[in-house]
Amino acid sequence: MGNMIKRKLKITSPEDAMTLGQKMFEQAVIENHRKYSTKNPRIKVSSAKAKSRRCQDWTAAKISDLIGLPWGKDQPIEPRGMGQTGVDIRLDREALAKFPHSVECKWNEKWDVPGAIRQAKANQMSGTQWLLVMTKNQEIRGQSEKVVILDAEVFFQLLALIPGERKGL
């Protein structure tokens, strides 16, 4: 069988085999370079963490505006550092009394909503409802739109708190 392969590829000496092997290797390297460098460029880890931090900061600021407590390091509302376990927005007792939600923030181009919900539920603190804030890059006006996902029952309970005859309008 080895002779048949040699005849098909016209390999007559060990040097021919080396040359052919080198050409195949170079071609594979070029194909892999094209595949990974132009089609799906990977974001640096530091850039990904910066995006997540911006989403957490935005969310903490919105919660702060809503309940009137300050946010930041060593404040009642504090975005959790990258790589730490638990909810993404740490709330002290006073903040939790005013905003009883365990917040998970995600800034990804490809959304894995079921996976993000599982993570939000896994990090949910007792006595709170899970809440998920998701965003991705937007080319429209240079802004990224944020989406909030929460349990449907919780959503309708919140709508019921709005005064008026026609709730939600």
C-alpha atoms as a PDB file:
ATOM      1  CA  MET A   1       0.000   0.000   0.000  1.00  0.00           C
ATOM      2  CA  GLY A   2       2.893   2.356   0.735  1.00  0.00           C
ATOM      3  CA  ASN A   3       4.170   1.969  -2.837  1.00  0.00           C
ATOM      4  CA  MET A   4       0.743   2.860  -4.232  1.00  0.00           C
ATOM      5  CA  ILE A   5       0.718   6.133  -2.260  1.00  0.00           C
ATOM      6  CA  LYS A   6       4.264   6.909  -3.366  1.00  0.00           C
ATOM      7  CA  ARG A   7       3.302   6.401  -7.029  1.00  0.00           C
ATOM      8  CA  LYS A   8       0.155   8.555  -6.797  1.00  0.00           C
ATOM      9  CA  LEU A   9       2.069  11.414  -5.155  1.00  0.00           C
ATOM     10  CA  LYS A  10       5.174  10.833  -7.315  1.00  0.00           C
ATOM     11  CA  ILE A  11       7.483  10.455  -4.345  1.00  0.00           C
ATOM     12  CA  THR A  12      10.758   8.975  -5.521  1.00  0.00           C
ATOM     13  CA  SER A  13      13.092   9.903  -2.684  1.00  0.00           C
ATOM     14  CA  PRO A  14      13.048  10.854   1.009  1.00  0.00           C
ATOM     15  CA  GLU A  15      13.693  14.474  -0.016  1.00  0.00           C
ATOM     16  CA  ASP A  16      10.453  14.458  -2.072  1.00  0.00           C
ATOM     17  CA  ALA A  17       8.540  13.179   0.967  1.00  0.00           C
ATOM     18  CA  MET A  18      10.035  15.908   3.159  1.00  0.00           C
ATOM     19  CA  THR A  19       9.185  18.581   0.597  1.00  0.00           C
ATOM     20  CA  LEU A  20       5.627  17.288   0.264  1.00  0.00           C
ATOM     21  CA  GLY A  21       5.203  17.101   4.051  1.00  0.00           C
ATOM     22  CA  GLN A  22       6.553  20.624   4.452  1.00  0.00           C
ATOM     23  CA  LYS A  23       4.163  21.946   1.784  1.00  0.00           C
ATOM     24  CA  MET A  24       1.199  20.234   3.457  1.00  0.00           C
ATOM     25  CA  PHE A  25       2.218  21.665   6.840  1.00  0.00           C
ATOM     26  CA  GLU A  26       2.579  25.189   5.430  1.00  0.00           C
ATOM     27  CA  GLN A  27      -0.815  24.914   3.741  1.00  0.00           C
ATOM     28  CA  ALA A  28      -2.431  23.777   7.022  1.00  0.00           C
ATOM     29  CA  VAL A  29      -0.830  26.697   8.883  1.00  0.00           C
ATOM     30  CA  ILE A  30      -2.125  29.174   6.289  1.00  0.00           C
ATOM     31  CA  GLU A  31      -5.649  27.699   6.436  1.00  0.00           C
ATOM     32  CA  ASN A  32      -5.693  27.840  10.244  1.00  0.00           C
ATOM     33  CA  HIS A  33      -4.427  31.416  10.168  1.00  0.00           C
ATOM     34  CA  ARG A  34      -7.252  32.423   7.816  1.00  0.00           C
ATOM     35  CA  LYS A  35      -9.809  30.538   9.866  1.00  0.00           C
ATOM     36  CA  TYR A  36      -8.911  32.054  13.221  1.00  0.00           C
ATOM     37  CA  SER A  37      -7.556  35.501  12.389  1.00  0.00           C
ATOM     38  CA  THR A  38     -10.141  36.904   9.975  1.00  0.00           C
ATOM     39  CA  LYS A  39     -13.365  35.019  10.560  1.00  0.00           C
ATOM     40  CA  ASN A  40     -13.716  35.129  14.351  1.00  0.00           C
ATOM     41  CA  PRO A  41     -11.200  37.466  15.948  1.00  0.00           C
ATOM     42  CA  ARG A  42     -11.126  36.843  19.707  1.00  0.00           C
ATOM     43  CA  ILE A  43     -11.470  39.699  22.147  1.00  0.00           C
ATOM     44  CA  LYS A  44      -8.720  40.053  24.737  1.00  0.00           C
ATOM     45  CA  VAL A  45      -9.622  38.928  28.253  1.00  0.00           C
ATOM     46  CA  SER A  46      -8.929  42.415  29.622  1.00  0.00           C
ATOM     47  CA  SER A  47     -11.323  43.933  27.058  1.00  0.00           C
ATOM     48  CA  ALA A  48     -14.044  41.410  27.900  1.00  0.00           C
ATOM     49  CA  LYS A  49     -13.691  42.173  31.610  1.00  0.00           C
ATOM     50  CA  ALA A  50     -13.830  45.916  30.907  1.00  0.00           C
ATOM     51  CA  LYS A  51     -17.107  45.433  29.001  1.00  0.00           C
ATOM     52  CA  SER A  52     -18.589  43.416  31.863  1.00  0.00           C
ATOM     53  CA  ARG A  53     -17.432  46.061  34.337  1.00  0.00           C
ATOM     54  CA  ARG A  54     -19.157  48.800  32.273  1.00  0.00           C
ATOM     55  CA  CYS A  55     -22.407  46.809  32.313  1.00  0.00           C
ATOM     56  CA  GLN A  56     -22.129  46.368  36.091  1.00  0.00           C
ATOM     57  CA  ASP A  57     -21.349  50.067  36.610  1.00  0.00           C
ATOM     58  CA  TRP A  58     -24.311  51.104  34.434  1.00  0.00           C
ATOM     59  CA  THR A  59     -26.628  48.771  36.355  1.00  0.00           C
ATOM     60  CA  ALA A  60     -25.334  49.932  39.752  1.00  0.00           C
ATOM     61  CA  ALA A  61     -25.868  53.576  38.721  1.00  0.00           C
ATOM     62  CA  LYS A  62     -29.450  52.846  37.617  1.00  0.00           C
ATOM     63  CA  ILE A  63     -30.238  51.064  40.893  1.00  0.00           C
ATOM     64  CA  SER A  64     -28.659  53.977  42.783  1.00  0.00           C
ATOM     65  CA  ASP A  65     -30.849  56.494  40.921  1.00  0.00           C
ATOM     66  CA  LEU A  66     -33.927  54.371  41.597  1.00  0.00           C
ATOM     67  CA  ILE A  67     -33.511  53.870  45.355  1.00  0.00           C
ATOM     68  CA  GLY A  68     -31.490  56.964  46.258  1.00  0.00           C
ATOM     69  CA  LEU A  69     -28.425  55.260  47.742  1.00  0.00           C
ATOM     70  CA  PRO A  70     -24.832  55.814  46.566  1.00  0.00           C
ATOM     71  CA  TRP A  71     -22.947  53.248  44.524  1.00  0.00           C
ATOM     72  CA  GLY A  72     -19.262  52.460  44.208  1.00  0.00           C
ATOM     73  CA  LYS A  73     -16.509  50.816  46.206  1.00  0.00           C
ATOM     74  CA  ASP A  74     -17.491  50.413  49.879  1.00  0.00           C
ATOM     75  CA  GLN A  75     -20.954  51.904  49.200  1.00  0.00           C
ATOM     76  CA  PRO A  76     -24.432  50.376  49.783  1.00  0.00           C
ATOM     77  CA  ILE A  77     -24.510  49.431  46.077  1.00  0.00           C
ATOM     78  CA  GLU A  78     -21.233  47.972  44.842  1.00  0.00           C
ATOM     79  CA  PRO A  79     -20.373  46.224  41.562  1.00  0.00           C
ATOM     80  CA  ARG A  80     -18.563  42.990  42.388  1.00  0.00           C
ATOM     81  CA  GLY A  81     -14.979  42.659  41.197  1.00  0.00           C
ATOM     82  CA  MET A  82     -14.233  40.510  38.165  1.00  0.00           C
ATOM     83  CA  GLY A  83     -13.653  36.867  38.979  1.00  0.00           C
ATOM     84  CA  GLN A  84     -15.481  36.943  42.307  1.00  0.00           C
ATOM     85  CA  THR A  85     -18.330  34.537  42.896  1.00  0.00           C
ATOM     86  CA  GLY A  86     -21.888  35.572  43.659  1.00  0.00           C
ATOM     87  CA  VAL A  87     -24.167  38.278  42.334  1.00  0.00           C
ATOM     88  CA  ASP A  88     -22.657  40.975  40.120  1.00  0.00           C
ATOM     89  CA  ILE A  89     -24.143  43.865  42.131  1.00  0.00           C
ATOM     90  CA  ARG A  90     -23.615  43.607  45.888  1.00  0.00           C
ATOM     91  CA  LEU A  91     -26.368  45.338  47.887  1.00  0.00           C
ATOM     92  CA  ASP A  92     -26.213  46.001  51.626  1.00  0.00           C
ATOM     93  CA  ARG A  93     -29.269  45.449  53.870  1.00  0.00           C
ATOM     94  CA  GLU A  94     -30.735  48.909  53.303  1.00  0.00           C
ATOM     95  CA  ALA A  95     -30.343  48.611  49.534  1.00  0.00           C
ATOM     96  CA  LEU A  96     -31.810  45.077  49.530  1.00  0.00           C
ATOM     97  CA  ALA A  97     -34.843  46.331  51.470  1.00  0.00           C
ATOM     98  CA  LYS A  98     -35.486  48.882  48.699  1.00  0.00           C
ATOM     99  CA  PHE A  99     -34.404  46.699  45.758  1.00  0.00           C
ATOM    100  CA  PRO A 100     -34.874  42.987  46.592  1.00  0.00           C
ATOM    101  CA  HIS A 101     -33.179  41.520  43.514  1.00  0.00           C
ATOM    102  CA  SER A 102     -30.059  39.449  42.911  1.00  0.00           C
ATOM    103  CA  VAL A 103     -28.553  41.040  39.801  1.00  0.00           C
ATOM    104  CA  GLU A 104     -26.489  39.232  37.164  1.00  0.00           C
ATOM    105  CA  CYS A 105     -24.917  41.281  34.325  1.00  0.00           C
ATOM    106  CA  LYS A 106     -23.862  39.907  30.921  1.00  0.00           C
ATOM    107  CA  TRP A 107     -22.174  41.700  28.007  1.00  0.00           C
ATOM    108  CA  ASN A 108     -21.799  39.117  25.225  1.00  0.00           C
ATOM    109  CA  GLU A 109     -22.193  39.176  21.472  1.00  0.00           C
ATOM    110  CA  LYS A 110     -23.813  35.740  21.484  1.00  0.00           C
ATOM    111  CA  TRP A 111     -26.481  35.452  24.121  1.00  0.00           C
ATOM    112  CA  ASP A 112     -26.937  32.206  26.011  1.00  0.00           C
ATOM    113  CA  VAL A 113     -30.125  33.262  27.778  1.00  0.00           C
ATOM    114  CA  PRO A 114     -30.908  29.883  29.397  1.00  0.00           C
ATOM    115  CA  GLY A 115     -27.321  29.628  30.678  1.00  0.00           C
ATOM    116  CA  ALA A 116     -27.401  33.196  31.999  1.00  0.00           C
ATOM    117  CA  ILE A 117     -30.716  32.523  33.770  1.00  0.00           C
ATOM    118  CA  ARG A 118     -29.254  29.370  35.337  1.00  0.00           C
ATOM    119  CA  GLN A 119     -26.305  31.408  36.607  1.00  0.00           C
ATOM    120  CA  ALA A 120     -28.594  34.162  37.946  1.00  0.00           C
ATOM    121  CA  LYS A 121     -30.678  31.560  39.793  1.00  0.00           C
ATOM    122  CA  ALA A 122     -27.552  29.856  41.152  1.00  0.00           C
ATOM    123  CA  ASN A 123     -26.321  33.192  42.567  1.00  0.00           C
ATOM    124  CA  GLN A 124     -29.768  34.261  43.843  1.00  0.00           C
ATOM    125  CA  MET A 125     -29.707  35.332  47.483  1.00  0.00           C
ATOM    126  CA  SER A 126     -32.510  34.228  49.811  1.00  0.00           C
ATOM    127  CA  GLY A 127     -35.387  36.681  50.037  1.00  0.00           C
ATOM    128  CA  THR A 128     -34.663  38.162  46.594  1.00  0.00           C
ATOM    129  CA  GLN A 129     -35.733  37.629  42.999  1.00  0.00           C
ATOM    130  CA  TRP A 130     -33.159  37.002  40.268  1.00  0.00           C
ATOM    131  CA  LEU A 131     -32.745  39.724  37.664  1.00  0.00           C
ATOM    132  CA  LEU A 132     -30.592  39.534  34.555  1.00  0.00           C
ATOM    133  CA  VAL A 133     -29.200  42.557  32.668  1.00  0.00           C
ATOM    134  CA  MET A 134     -27.884  41.696  29.203  1.00  0.00           C
ATOM    135  CA  THR A 135     -26.300  43.816  26.504  1.00  0.00           C
ATOM    136  CA  LYS A 136     -24.117  43.503  23.431  1.00  0.00           C
ATOM    137  CA  ASN A 137     -22.356  45.893  21.086  1.00  0.00           C
ATOM    138  CA  GLN A 138     -24.637  47.946  18.887  1.00  0.00           C
ATOM    139  CA  GLU A 139     -23.623  49.775  15.743  1.00  0.00           C
ATOM    140  CA  ILE A 140     -26.635  52.093  15.926  1.00  0.00           C
ATOM    141  CA  ARG A 141     -25.595  55.507  17.253  1.00  0.00           C
ATOM    142  CA  GLY A 142     -22.629  53.944  19.023  1.00  0.00           C
ATOM    143  CA  GLN A 143     -24.740  52.866  21.998  1.00  0.00           C
ATOM    144  CA  SER A 144     -25.461  49.469  23.449  1.00  0.00           C
ATOM    145  CA  GLU A 145     -29.032  48.713  24.438  1.00  0.00           C
ATOM    146  CA  LYS A 146     -29.607  46.871  27.690  1.00  0.00           C
ATOM    147  CA  VAL A 147     -32.297  44.246  28.213  1.00  0.00           C
ATOM    148  CA  VAL A 148     -33.646  43.120  31.584  1.00  0.00           C
ATOM    149  CA  ILE A 149     -34.884  39.558  31.992  1.00  0.00           C
ATOM    150  CA  LEU A 150     -36.784  38.426  35.067  1.00  0.00           C
ATOM    151  CA  ASP A 151     -39.344  35.813  36.044  1.00  0.00           C
ATOM    152  CA  ALA A 152     -42.742  36.487  34.398  1.00  0.00           C
ATOM    153  CA  GLU A 153     -44.634  36.221  37.711  1.00  0.00           C
ATOM    154  CA  VAL A 154     -42.333  38.856  39.219  1.00  0.00           C
ATOM    155  CA  PHE A 155     -42.872  41.100  36.181  1.00  0.00           C
ATOM    156  CA  PHE A 156     -46.653  40.981  36.540  1.00  0.00           C
ATOM    157  CA  GLN A 157     -46.428  41.513  40.309  1.00  0.00           C
ATOM    158  CA  LEU A 158     -44.381  44.646  39.632  1.00  0.00           C
ATOM    159  CA  LEU A 159     -46.916  45.856  37.048  1.00  0.00           C
ATOM    160  CA  ALA A 160     -49.698  45.386  39.606  1.00  0.00           C
ATOM    161  CA  LEU A 161     -47.932  47.915  41.858  1.00  0.00           C
ATOM    162  CA  ILE A 162     -48.387  50.707  39.296  1.00  0.00           C
ATOM    163  CA  PRO A 163     -51.346  52.911  40.300  1.00  0.00           C
ATOM    164  CA  GLY A 164     -54.180  53.494  37.845  1.00  0.00           C
ATOM    165  CA  GLU A 165     -56.870  51.548  36.046  1.00  0.00           C
ATOM    166  CA  ARG A 166     -54.822  50.427  33.042  1.00  0.00           C
ATOM    167  CA  LYS A 167     -51.643  48.977  34.450  1.00  0.00           C
ATOM    168  CA  GLY A 168     -48.505  49.040  32.364  1.00  0.00           C
ATOM    169  CA  LEU A 169     -49.518  51.935  30.098  1.00  0.00           C
END
